[in-house]
Amino acid sequence: MIEQILSFLLEVVAGLVSGACLLRLYMQTQRVPFSNPVGQLVFALTDWLVMPLRKLIKPSGKYDLSSLVGAVLIQLVHYLLLWALAGAAGSVVLVPLLALFGLLRMVLTGLIGLLIVYAILSWVSPHSPIYGVLSRLCAPVLRPLQRIIPLVGGVDLSPLAALVLLQVLLMVLAHLQFSVLGGVVAGMSVM
């Protein structure tokens, strides 16, 4: 039971910090100002990690790779600690692979979270300052779908379509993870 509690707490902390690092990167690529509550939260959660990394990894263009490296490092530490909690069962070689899949899963679930909050705020409080930030963050995902899906009774169904597509991508990712990790484990047992 203690192992489950520690795993859960580790998942929450790692998810929060690495998700904030990814959101920081995404907000920078979308040129969303950080002078809003979301941006301030992202800075508060990530500055301790991203700023030292930025001294080692210089930003290139509109991409701040130090935020991405920070997210990757958090995921690596997360899965390394989970591996240690599991009694170092299995090969440590799988840890980076698990971290990569964890990072991809985090990107997809993060987009799902953004879309859900965006959709709710569009109905409840479209004049909220956070709604403007979410609108800019969701636009790259929704814009292609809005070109295809017409308004139905004045309602934009593109967030619903995006949520369905992202869920399908999560299923594909889970299947790919199972296939890849199963193949790696099977290959290791042959050696």
C-alpha atoms as a PDB file:
ATOM      1  CA  MET A   1       0.000   0.000   0.000  1.00  0.00           C
ATOM      2  CA  ILE A   2       2.860   2.406   0.798  1.00  0.00           C
ATOM      3  CA  GLU A   3       4.330   1.696  -2.643  1.00  0.00           C
ATOM      4  CA  GLN A   4       0.996   2.614  -4.285  1.00  0.00           C
ATOM      5  CA  ILE A   5       0.760   5.857  -2.323  1.00  0.00           C
ATOM      6  CA  LEU A   6       4.349   6.810  -3.181  1.00  0.00           C
ATOM      7  CA  SER A   7       3.790   5.934  -6.843  1.00  0.00           C
ATOM      8  CA  PHE A   8       0.655   8.069  -6.921  1.00  0.00           C
ATOM      9  CA  LEU A   9       2.360  11.050  -5.264  1.00  0.00           C
ATOM     10  CA  LEU A  10       5.318  10.702  -7.593  1.00  0.00           C
ATOM     11  CA  GLU A  11       2.968  10.599 -10.587  1.00  0.00           C
ATOM     12  CA  VAL A  12       1.196  13.774  -9.426  1.00  0.00           C
ATOM     13  CA  VAL A  13       4.372  15.767  -8.777  1.00  0.00           C
ATOM     14  CA  ALA A  14       6.136  14.606 -11.947  1.00  0.00           C
ATOM     15  CA  GLY A  15       3.007  15.203 -14.006  1.00  0.00           C
ATOM     16  CA  LEU A  16       2.533  18.691 -12.621  1.00  0.00           C
ATOM     17  CA  VAL A  17       6.117  19.832 -13.158  1.00  0.00           C
ATOM     18  CA  SER A  18       6.772  18.173 -16.513  1.00  0.00           C
ATOM     19  CA  GLY A  19       3.316  19.217 -17.738  1.00  0.00           C
ATOM     20  CA  ALA A  20       4.107  22.801 -16.743  1.00  0.00           C
ATOM     21  CA  CYS A  21       7.418  22.575 -18.630  1.00  0.00           C
ATOM     22  CA  LEU A  22       5.588  21.367 -21.740  1.00  0.00           C
ATOM     23  CA  LEU A  23       2.961  24.088 -21.339  1.00  0.00           C
ATOM     24  CA  ARG A  24       5.745  26.668 -21.042  1.00  0.00           C
ATOM     25  CA  LEU A  25       7.245  25.432 -24.306  1.00  0.00           C
ATOM     26  CA  TYR A  26       3.843  25.408 -26.025  1.00  0.00           C
ATOM     27  CA  MET A  27       2.936  28.888 -24.768  1.00  0.00           C
ATOM     28  CA  GLN A  28       6.243  30.192 -26.117  1.00  0.00           C
ATOM     29  CA  THR A  29       5.753  28.591 -29.526  1.00  0.00           C
ATOM     30  CA  GLN A  30       2.233  30.071 -29.721  1.00  0.00           C
ATOM     31  CA  ARG A  31       3.540  33.440 -28.505  1.00  0.00           C
ATOM     32  CA  VAL A  32       1.056  33.545 -25.638  1.00  0.00           C
ATOM     33  CA  PRO A  33       2.103  36.229 -23.134  1.00  0.00           C
ATOM     34  CA  PHE A  34       3.005  35.026 -19.658  1.00  0.00           C
ATOM     35  CA  SER A  35       1.473  38.068 -17.938  1.00  0.00           C
ATOM     36  CA  ASN A  36      -1.712  36.132 -17.131  1.00  0.00           C
ATOM     37  CA  PRO A  37      -2.524  33.767 -14.247  1.00  0.00           C
ATOM     38  CA  VAL A  38      -1.732  30.671 -16.335  1.00  0.00           C
ATOM     39  CA  GLY A  39       1.655  32.047 -17.393  1.00  0.00           C
ATOM     40  CA  GLN A  40       2.519  33.075 -13.861  1.00  0.00           C
ATOM     41  CA  LEU A  41       1.662  29.598 -12.577  1.00  0.00           C
ATOM     42  CA  VAL A  42       3.778  28.001 -15.300  1.00  0.00           C
ATOM     43  CA  PHE A  43       6.744  30.218 -14.407  1.00  0.00           C
ATOM     44  CA  ALA A  44       6.331  29.497 -10.695  1.00  0.00           C
ATOM     45  CA  LEU A  45       6.322  25.738 -11.317  1.00  0.00           C
ATOM     46  CA  THR A  46       9.187  25.613 -13.813  1.00  0.00           C
ATOM     47  CA  ASP A  47      11.665  28.452 -13.252  1.00  0.00           C
ATOM     48  CA  TRP A  48      13.706  26.429 -10.733  1.00  0.00           C
ATOM     49  CA  LEU A  49      14.428  23.868 -13.467  1.00  0.00           C
ATOM     50  CA  VAL A  50      14.253  25.750 -16.755  1.00  0.00           C
ATOM     51  CA  MET A  51      16.397  28.758 -15.829  1.00  0.00           C
ATOM     52  CA  PRO A  52      19.516  26.703 -14.907  1.00  0.00           C
ATOM     53  CA  LEU A  53      18.995  24.573 -18.040  1.00  0.00           C
ATOM     54  CA  ARG A  54      18.725  27.717 -20.149  1.00  0.00           C
ATOM     55  CA  LYS A  55      22.312  28.568 -19.170  1.00  0.00           C
ATOM     56  CA  LEU A  56      23.395  25.278 -20.747  1.00  0.00           C
ATOM     57  CA  ILE A  57      20.925  25.139 -23.644  1.00  0.00           C
ATOM     58  CA  LYS A  58      20.394  28.395 -25.489  1.00  0.00           C
ATOM     59  CA  PRO A  59      16.938  29.039 -27.011  1.00  0.00           C
ATOM     60  CA  SER A  60      16.834  28.599 -30.782  1.00  0.00           C
ATOM     61  CA  GLY A  61      14.245  30.665 -32.604  1.00  0.00           C
ATOM     62  CA  LYS A  62      10.831  30.415 -31.011  1.00  0.00           C
ATOM     63  CA  TYR A  63      11.652  27.074 -29.380  1.00  0.00           C
ATOM     64  CA  ASP A  64      12.976  27.001 -25.839  1.00  0.00           C
ATOM     65  CA  LEU A  65      14.558  23.571 -25.708  1.00  0.00           C
ATOM     66  CA  SER A  66      15.400  23.989 -22.022  1.00  0.00           C
ATOM     67  CA  SER A  67      11.681  23.585 -21.236  1.00  0.00           C
ATOM     68  CA  LEU A  68      11.546  20.390 -23.278  1.00  0.00           C
ATOM     69  CA  VAL A  69      14.742  19.047 -21.696  1.00  0.00           C
ATOM     70  CA  GLY A  70      13.296  19.883 -18.275  1.00  0.00           C
ATOM     71  CA  ALA A  71      10.160  17.861 -19.035  1.00  0.00           C
ATOM     72  CA  VAL A  72      12.258  14.947 -20.295  1.00  0.00           C
ATOM     73  CA  LEU A  73      14.499  15.019 -17.211  1.00  0.00           C
ATOM     74  CA  ILE A  74      11.489  15.044 -14.875  1.00  0.00           C
ATOM     75  CA  GLN A  75      10.000  12.061 -16.721  1.00  0.00           C
ATOM     76  CA  LEU A  76      13.324  10.190 -16.584  1.00  0.00           C
ATOM     77  CA  VAL A  77      13.637  10.775 -12.841  1.00  0.00           C
ATOM     78  CA  HIS A  78       9.969   9.828 -12.398  1.00  0.00           C
ATOM     79  CA  TYR A  79      10.337   6.475 -14.137  1.00  0.00           C
ATOM     80  CA  LEU A  80      13.715   5.805 -12.544  1.00  0.00           C
ATOM     81  CA  LEU A  81      12.153   6.288  -9.089  1.00  0.00           C
ATOM     82  CA  LEU A  82       9.189   4.083 -10.057  1.00  0.00           C
ATOM     83  CA  TRP A  83      11.648   1.424 -11.223  1.00  0.00           C
ATOM     84  CA  ALA A  84      13.488   1.665  -7.885  1.00  0.00           C
ATOM     85  CA  LEU A  85      10.184   1.509  -5.967  1.00  0.00           C
ATOM     86  CA  ALA A  86       9.346  -1.679  -7.842  1.00  0.00           C
ATOM     87  CA  GLY A  87      12.505  -3.224  -6.436  1.00  0.00           C
ATOM     88  CA  ALA A  88      14.582  -2.574  -9.584  1.00  0.00           C
ATOM     89  CA  ALA A  89      12.609  -5.291 -11.344  1.00  0.00           C
ATOM     90  CA  GLY A  90      13.297  -5.462 -15.045  1.00  0.00           C
ATOM     91  CA  SER A  91      16.034  -3.722 -16.930  1.00  0.00           C
ATOM     92  CA  VAL A  92      16.938  -0.095 -16.306  1.00  0.00           C
ATOM     93  CA  VAL A  93      17.285   0.165 -20.110  1.00  0.00           C
ATOM     94  CA  LEU A  94      13.490   0.408 -20.294  1.00  0.00           C
ATOM     95  CA  VAL A  95      13.383   3.575 -18.171  1.00  0.00           C
ATOM     96  CA  PRO A  96      14.168   6.044 -21.008  1.00  0.00           C
ATOM     97  CA  LEU A  97      11.638   4.302 -23.252  1.00  0.00           C
ATOM     98  CA  LEU A  98       8.982   4.509 -20.544  1.00  0.00           C
ATOM     99  CA  ALA A  99       9.861   8.186 -20.033  1.00  0.00           C
ATOM    100  CA  LEU A 100       9.400   8.876 -23.746  1.00  0.00           C
ATOM    101  CA  PHE A 101       6.000   7.201 -23.806  1.00  0.00           C
ATOM    102  CA  GLY A 102       5.088   9.017 -20.584  1.00  0.00           C
ATOM    103  CA  LEU A 103       6.017  12.345 -22.166  1.00  0.00           C
ATOM    104  CA  LEU A 104       3.949  11.638 -25.281  1.00  0.00           C
ATOM    105  CA  ARG A 105       1.004  10.570 -23.137  1.00  0.00           C
ATOM    106  CA  MET A 106       1.382  13.779 -21.147  1.00  0.00           C
ATOM    107  CA  VAL A 107       1.244  15.882 -24.326  1.00  0.00           C
ATOM    108  CA  LEU A 108      -1.988  14.201 -25.408  1.00  0.00           C
ATOM    109  CA  THR A 109      -3.660  14.328 -21.989  1.00  0.00           C
ATOM    110  CA  GLY A 110      -2.529  17.937 -21.573  1.00  0.00           C
ATOM    111  CA  LEU A 111      -4.222  18.870 -24.838  1.00  0.00           C
ATOM    112  CA  ILE A 112      -7.338  17.019 -23.722  1.00  0.00           C
ATOM    113  CA  GLY A 113      -7.344  18.976 -20.461  1.00  0.00           C
ATOM    114  CA  LEU A 114      -6.891  22.289 -22.285  1.00  0.00           C
ATOM    115  CA  LEU A 115      -9.748  21.480 -24.654  1.00  0.00           C
ATOM    116  CA  ILE A 116     -12.110  20.476 -21.859  1.00  0.00           C
ATOM    117  CA  VAL A 117     -11.461  23.644 -19.863  1.00  0.00           C
ATOM    118  CA  TYR A 118     -11.700  25.724 -23.069  1.00  0.00           C
ATOM    119  CA  ALA A 119     -15.049  24.159 -23.992  1.00  0.00           C
ATOM    120  CA  ILE A 120     -16.478  24.681 -20.494  1.00  0.00           C
ATOM    121  CA  LEU A 121     -15.287  28.292 -20.307  1.00  0.00           C
ATOM    122  CA  SER A 122     -16.699  29.015 -23.765  1.00  0.00           C
ATOM    123  CA  TRP A 123     -20.155  28.269 -22.360  1.00  0.00           C
ATOM    124  CA  VAL A 124     -19.764  29.541 -18.795  1.00  0.00           C
ATOM    125  CA  SER A 125     -17.352  32.469 -18.870  1.00  0.00           C
ATOM    126  CA  PRO A 126     -16.148  33.440 -22.367  1.00  0.00           C
ATOM    127  CA  HIS A 127     -14.986  36.855 -21.118  1.00  0.00           C
ATOM    128  CA  SER A 128     -12.549  35.414 -18.586  1.00  0.00           C
ATOM    129  CA  PRO A 129      -8.896  36.390 -19.128  1.00  0.00           C
ATOM    130  CA  ILE A 130      -7.967  32.710 -18.950  1.00  0.00           C
ATOM    131  CA  TYR A 131     -10.385  31.964 -21.794  1.00  0.00           C
ATOM    132  CA  GLY A 132      -8.312  34.143 -24.128  1.00  0.00           C
ATOM    133  CA  VAL A 133      -5.154  32.226 -23.239  1.00  0.00           C
ATOM    134  CA  LEU A 134      -6.890  28.876 -23.698  1.00  0.00           C
ATOM    135  CA  SER A 135      -8.368  30.018 -26.982  1.00  0.00           C
ATOM    136  CA  ARG A 136      -4.904  30.795 -28.333  1.00  0.00           C
ATOM    137  CA  LEU A 137      -3.535  27.482 -27.068  1.00  0.00           C
ATOM    138  CA  CYS A 138      -6.406  25.430 -28.510  1.00  0.00           C
ATOM    139  CA  ALA A 139      -6.556  27.248 -31.868  1.00  0.00           C
ATOM    140  CA  PRO A 140      -3.830  25.180 -33.613  1.00  0.00           C
ATOM    141  CA  VAL A 141      -5.671  21.982 -32.710  1.00  0.00           C
ATOM    142  CA  LEU A 142      -9.165  23.255 -33.489  1.00  0.00           C
ATOM    143  CA  ARG A 143      -8.533  25.333 -36.632  1.00  0.00           C
ATOM    144  CA  PRO A 144      -8.129  22.380 -39.046  1.00  0.00           C
ATOM    145  CA  LEU A 145     -11.251  20.733 -37.646  1.00  0.00           C
ATOM    146  CA  GLN A 146     -13.252  23.965 -37.848  1.00  0.00           C
ATOM    147  CA  ARG A 147     -12.538  24.065 -41.586  1.00  0.00           C
ATOM    148  CA  ILE A 148     -14.127  20.635 -41.980  1.00  0.00           C
ATOM    149  CA  ILE A 149     -16.914  20.593 -39.368  1.00  0.00           C
ATOM    150  CA  PRO A 150     -19.665  23.173 -39.884  1.00  0.00           C
ATOM    151  CA  LEU A 151     -21.432  24.875 -36.988  1.00  0.00           C
ATOM    152  CA  VAL A 152     -24.463  22.882 -35.900  1.00  0.00           C
ATOM    153  CA  GLY A 153     -27.192  25.180 -34.635  1.00  0.00           C
ATOM    154  CA  GLY A 154     -24.549  27.826 -33.932  1.00  0.00           C
ATOM    155  CA  VAL A 155     -22.514  25.382 -31.843  1.00  0.00           C
ATOM    156  CA  ASP A 156     -18.872  24.606 -32.664  1.00  0.00           C
ATOM    157  CA  LEU A 157     -18.397  20.842 -32.438  1.00  0.00           C
ATOM    158  CA  SER A 158     -14.682  20.946 -33.255  1.00  0.00           C
ATOM    159  CA  PRO A 159     -13.631  20.626 -29.569  1.00  0.00           C
ATOM    160  CA  LEU A 160     -15.678  17.428 -29.315  1.00  0.00           C
ATOM    161  CA  ALA A 161     -14.111  16.057 -32.497  1.00  0.00           C
ATOM    162  CA  ALA A 162     -10.637  17.003 -31.224  1.00  0.00           C
ATOM    163  CA  LEU A 163     -11.302  15.230 -27.918  1.00  0.00           C
ATOM    164  CA  VAL A 164     -12.375  12.073 -29.752  1.00  0.00           C
ATOM    165  CA  LEU A 165      -9.284  12.186 -31.997  1.00  0.00           C
ATOM    166  CA  LEU A 166      -6.959  12.740 -29.034  1.00  0.00           C
ATOM    167  CA  GLN A 167      -8.541   9.798 -27.195  1.00  0.00           C
ATOM    168  CA  VAL A 168      -7.962   7.628 -30.266  1.00  0.00           C
ATOM    169  CA  LEU A 169      -4.332   8.798 -30.366  1.00  0.00           C
ATOM    170  CA  LEU A 170      -3.977   7.840 -26.690  1.00  0.00           C
ATOM    171  CA  MET A 171      -5.266   4.352 -27.523  1.00  0.00           C
ATOM    172  CA  VAL A 172      -2.825   4.058 -30.434  1.00  0.00           C
ATOM    173  CA  LEU A 173       0.013   5.250 -28.194  1.00  0.00           C
ATOM    174  CA  ALA A 174      -0.900   2.688 -25.522  1.00  0.00           C
ATOM    175  CA  HIS A 175      -0.945  -0.078 -28.141  1.00  0.00           C
ATOM    176  CA  LEU A 176       2.382   1.103 -29.556  1.00  0.00           C
ATOM    177  CA  GLN A 177       3.886   1.237 -26.069  1.00  0.00           C
ATOM    178  CA  PHE A 178       2.687  -2.280 -25.329  1.00  0.00           C
ATOM    179  CA  SER A 179       4.068  -3.542 -28.662  1.00  0.00           C
ATOM    180  CA  VAL A 180       7.442  -1.828 -28.334  1.00  0.00           C
ATOM    181  CA  LEU A 181       7.997  -2.678 -24.678  1.00  0.00           C
ATOM    182  CA  GLY A 182       6.777  -6.218 -25.216  1.00  0.00           C
ATOM    183  CA  GLY A 183       9.237  -6.598 -28.089  1.00  0.00           C
ATOM    184  CA  VAL A 184      12.117  -5.124 -26.092  1.00  0.00           C
ATOM    185  CA  VAL A 185      11.407  -7.359 -23.088  1.00  0.00           C
ATOM    186  CA  ALA A 186      11.056 -10.425 -25.319  1.00  0.00           C
ATOM    187  CA  GLY A 187      14.326  -9.534 -27.092  1.00  0.00           C
ATOM    188  CA  MET A 188      16.106  -9.108 -23.761  1.00  0.00           C
ATOM    189  CA  SER A 189      14.892 -12.466 -22.479  1.00  0.00           C
ATOM    190  CA  VAL A 190      16.350 -14.198 -25.540  1.00  0.00           C
ATOM    191  CA  MET A 191      19.806 -12.814 -24.765  1.00  0.00           C
END
